[in-house]
Amino acid sequence: MQVELSAFVATDLEAIADYIAQGNPPRALTFIREIRAKIRLVGKQPQIYQLRPELGEGARVAVVGRYLILFRIVGEIVRIERVVYGGRDLPALFQ
């Protein structure tokens, strides 16, 4: 399926990289690569990720370490809505 990124994703990834880079700049780069690789995997088989209706209509979540990729399947498009730390208030982010 085609993967589409919301306007929030670039900012989310930048914030994650900045946070990790404070303690380990090389790891910031490799972790962002891991997230991008997971996004590609989500695009190949989005249906294998469980629905999370408590987060919103059609919401699904993929996990990368302590971070979550929040997405929906819209027709033939996998729309990545956010990439966030798992400890955040997820329902508020997925509106």
C-alpha atoms as a PDB file:
ATOM      1  CA  MET A   1       0.000   0.000   0.000  1.00  0.00           C
ATOM      2  CA  GLN A   2       1.001   3.590  -0.452  1.00  0.00           C
ATOM      3  CA  VAL A   3       2.230   5.343   2.716  1.00  0.00           C
ATOM      4  CA  GLU A   4       1.259   8.934   3.374  1.00  0.00           C
ATOM      5  CA  LEU A   5       2.722  10.987   6.218  1.00  0.00           C
ATOM      6  CA  SER A   6       0.715  13.641   8.042  1.00  0.00           C
ATOM      7  CA  ALA A   7       2.180  17.105   8.490  1.00  0.00           C
ATOM      8  CA  PHE A   8       3.038  16.169  12.106  1.00  0.00           C
ATOM      9  CA  VAL A   9       5.422  13.302  11.300  1.00  0.00           C
ATOM     10  CA  ALA A  10       8.430  15.364  10.202  1.00  0.00           C
ATOM     11  CA  THR A  11       8.219  17.446  13.375  1.00  0.00           C
ATOM     12  CA  ASP A  12       7.735  14.324  15.510  1.00  0.00           C
ATOM     13  CA  LEU A  13      10.838  12.667  14.045  1.00  0.00           C
ATOM     14  CA  GLU A  14      12.893  15.830  14.454  1.00  0.00           C
ATOM     15  CA  ALA A  15      11.868  16.128  18.125  1.00  0.00           C
ATOM     16  CA  ILE A  16      12.707  12.467  18.765  1.00  0.00           C
ATOM     17  CA  ALA A  17      16.108  12.845  17.103  1.00  0.00           C
ATOM     18  CA  ASP A  18      16.858  16.033  19.043  1.00  0.00           C
ATOM     19  CA  TYR A  19      15.948  14.378  22.350  1.00  0.00           C
ATOM     20  CA  ILE A  20      18.083  11.278  21.733  1.00  0.00           C
ATOM     21  CA  ALA A  21      20.956  13.350  20.341  1.00  0.00           C
ATOM     22  CA  GLN A  22      21.318  15.144  23.685  1.00  0.00           C
ATOM     23  CA  GLY A  23      22.842  11.973  25.085  1.00  0.00           C
ATOM     24  CA  ASN A  24      23.928  10.012  22.032  1.00  0.00           C
ATOM     25  CA  PRO A  25      24.047  11.756  18.619  1.00  0.00           C
ATOM     26  CA  PRO A  26      24.964   8.633  16.596  1.00  0.00           C
ATOM     27  CA  ARG A  27      22.067   6.713  18.151  1.00  0.00           C
ATOM     28  CA  ALA A  28      19.666   9.499  17.195  1.00  0.00           C
ATOM     29  CA  LEU A  29      20.461   8.872  13.530  1.00  0.00           C
ATOM     30  CA  THR A  30      20.186   5.098  13.725  1.00  0.00           C
ATOM     31  CA  PHE A  31      16.944   5.248  15.710  1.00  0.00           C
ATOM     32  CA  ILE A  32      15.280   7.527  13.165  1.00  0.00           C
ATOM     33  CA  ARG A  33      16.359   5.039  10.484  1.00  0.00           C
ATOM     34  CA  GLU A  34      14.706   2.259  12.516  1.00  0.00           C
ATOM     35  CA  ILE A  35      11.480   4.255  12.719  1.00  0.00           C
ATOM     36  CA  ARG A  36      11.522   4.919   8.969  1.00  0.00           C
ATOM     37  CA  ALA A  37      12.129   1.210   8.297  1.00  0.00           C
ATOM     38  CA  LYS A  38       9.169   0.319  10.519  1.00  0.00           C
ATOM     39  CA  ILE A  39       6.991   2.814   8.646  1.00  0.00           C
ATOM     40  CA  ARG A  40       7.903   1.022   5.407  1.00  0.00           C
ATOM     41  CA  LEU A  41       6.968  -2.328   7.001  1.00  0.00           C
ATOM     42  CA  VAL A  42       3.658  -0.908   8.182  1.00  0.00           C
ATOM     43  CA  GLY A  43       2.962   0.131   4.595  1.00  0.00           C
ATOM     44  CA  LYS A  44       3.489  -3.434   3.366  1.00  0.00           C
ATOM     45  CA  GLN A  45       1.169  -5.177   5.856  1.00  0.00           C
ATOM     46  CA  PRO A  46      -0.845  -2.612   7.816  1.00  0.00           C
ATOM     47  CA  GLN A  47      -3.649  -5.045   8.633  1.00  0.00           C
ATOM     48  CA  ILE A  48      -1.430  -7.115  10.940  1.00  0.00           C
ATOM     49  CA  TYR A  49      -1.462  -4.304  13.495  1.00  0.00           C
ATOM     50  CA  GLN A  50      -4.348  -4.451  15.933  1.00  0.00           C
ATOM     51  CA  LEU A  51      -7.112  -1.881  15.810  1.00  0.00           C
ATOM     52  CA  ARG A  52      -7.032   0.521  18.767  1.00  0.00           C
ATOM     53  CA  PRO A  53     -10.536   2.039  18.862  1.00  0.00           C
ATOM     54  CA  GLU A  54      -9.827   3.768  22.191  1.00  0.00           C
ATOM     55  CA  LEU A  55      -7.450   6.043  20.250  1.00  0.00           C
ATOM     56  CA  GLY A  56      -9.877   6.939  17.478  1.00  0.00           C
ATOM     57  CA  GLU A  57     -11.749   5.530  14.543  1.00  0.00           C
ATOM     58  CA  GLY A  58      -9.577   3.138  12.528  1.00  0.00           C
ATOM     59  CA  ALA A  59      -6.554   3.767  14.752  1.00  0.00           C
ATOM     60  CA  ARG A  60      -3.683   1.277  14.713  1.00  0.00           C
ATOM     61  CA  VAL A  61      -0.291   1.324  16.432  1.00  0.00           C
ATOM     62  CA  ALA A  62       3.143  -0.059  15.546  1.00  0.00           C
ATOM     63  CA  VAL A  63       5.852  -0.112  18.216  1.00  0.00           C
ATOM     64  CA  VAL A  64       9.525   0.869  17.859  1.00  0.00           C
ATOM     65  CA  GLY A  65      11.218   0.679  21.229  1.00  0.00           C
ATOM     66  CA  ARG A  66       9.369   3.104  23.498  1.00  0.00           C
ATOM     67  CA  TYR A  67       7.881   4.988  20.578  1.00  0.00           C
ATOM     68  CA  LEU A  68       4.638   4.426  18.712  1.00  0.00           C
ATOM     69  CA  ILE A  69       3.678   4.912  15.101  1.00  0.00           C
ATOM     70  CA  LEU A  70       0.010   5.906  15.058  1.00  0.00           C
ATOM     71  CA  PHE A  71      -1.721   5.238  11.753  1.00  0.00           C
ATOM     72  CA  ARG A  72      -4.945   4.530   9.876  1.00  0.00           C
ATOM     73  CA  ILE A  73      -5.769   2.648   6.712  1.00  0.00           C
ATOM     74  CA  VAL A  74      -7.764   4.892   4.388  1.00  0.00           C
ATOM     75  CA  GLY A  75      -8.750   2.973   1.269  1.00  0.00           C
ATOM     76  CA  GLU A  76      -5.477   1.955  -0.351  1.00  0.00           C
ATOM     77  CA  ILE A  77      -3.415   4.427   1.671  1.00  0.00           C
ATOM     78  CA  VAL A  78      -1.679   3.911   5.005  1.00  0.00           C
ATOM     79  CA  ARG A  79      -1.765   7.314   6.647  1.00  0.00           C
ATOM     80  CA  ILE A  80       0.877   7.767   9.342  1.00  0.00           C
ATOM     81  CA  GLU A  81      -0.618  10.316  11.717  1.00  0.00           C
ATOM     82  CA  ARG A  82       2.029  10.657  14.446  1.00  0.00           C
ATOM     83  CA  VAL A  83       5.238   9.126  15.803  1.00  0.00           C
ATOM     84  CA  VAL A  84       5.324   9.683  19.553  1.00  0.00           C
ATOM     85  CA  TYR A  85       6.691   8.509  22.877  1.00  0.00           C
ATOM     86  CA  GLY A  86       4.420   5.770  24.218  1.00  0.00           C
ATOM     87  CA  GLY A  87       3.933   7.459  27.585  1.00  0.00           C
ATOM     88  CA  ARG A  88       2.037  10.410  26.135  1.00  0.00           C
ATOM     89  CA  ASP A  89      -1.730  10.976  26.190  1.00  0.00           C
ATOM     90  CA  LEU A  90      -2.403   9.025  23.001  1.00  0.00           C
ATOM     91  CA  PRO A  91      -6.144   9.705  22.517  1.00  0.00           C
ATOM     92  CA  ALA A  92      -5.436  13.444  22.554  1.00  0.00           C
ATOM     93  CA  LEU A  93      -2.841  13.039  19.777  1.00  0.00           C
ATOM     94  CA  PHE A  94      -4.928  10.916  17.440  1.00  0.00           C
ATOM     95  CA  GLN A  95      -7.860  13.194  16.657  1.00  0.00           C
END
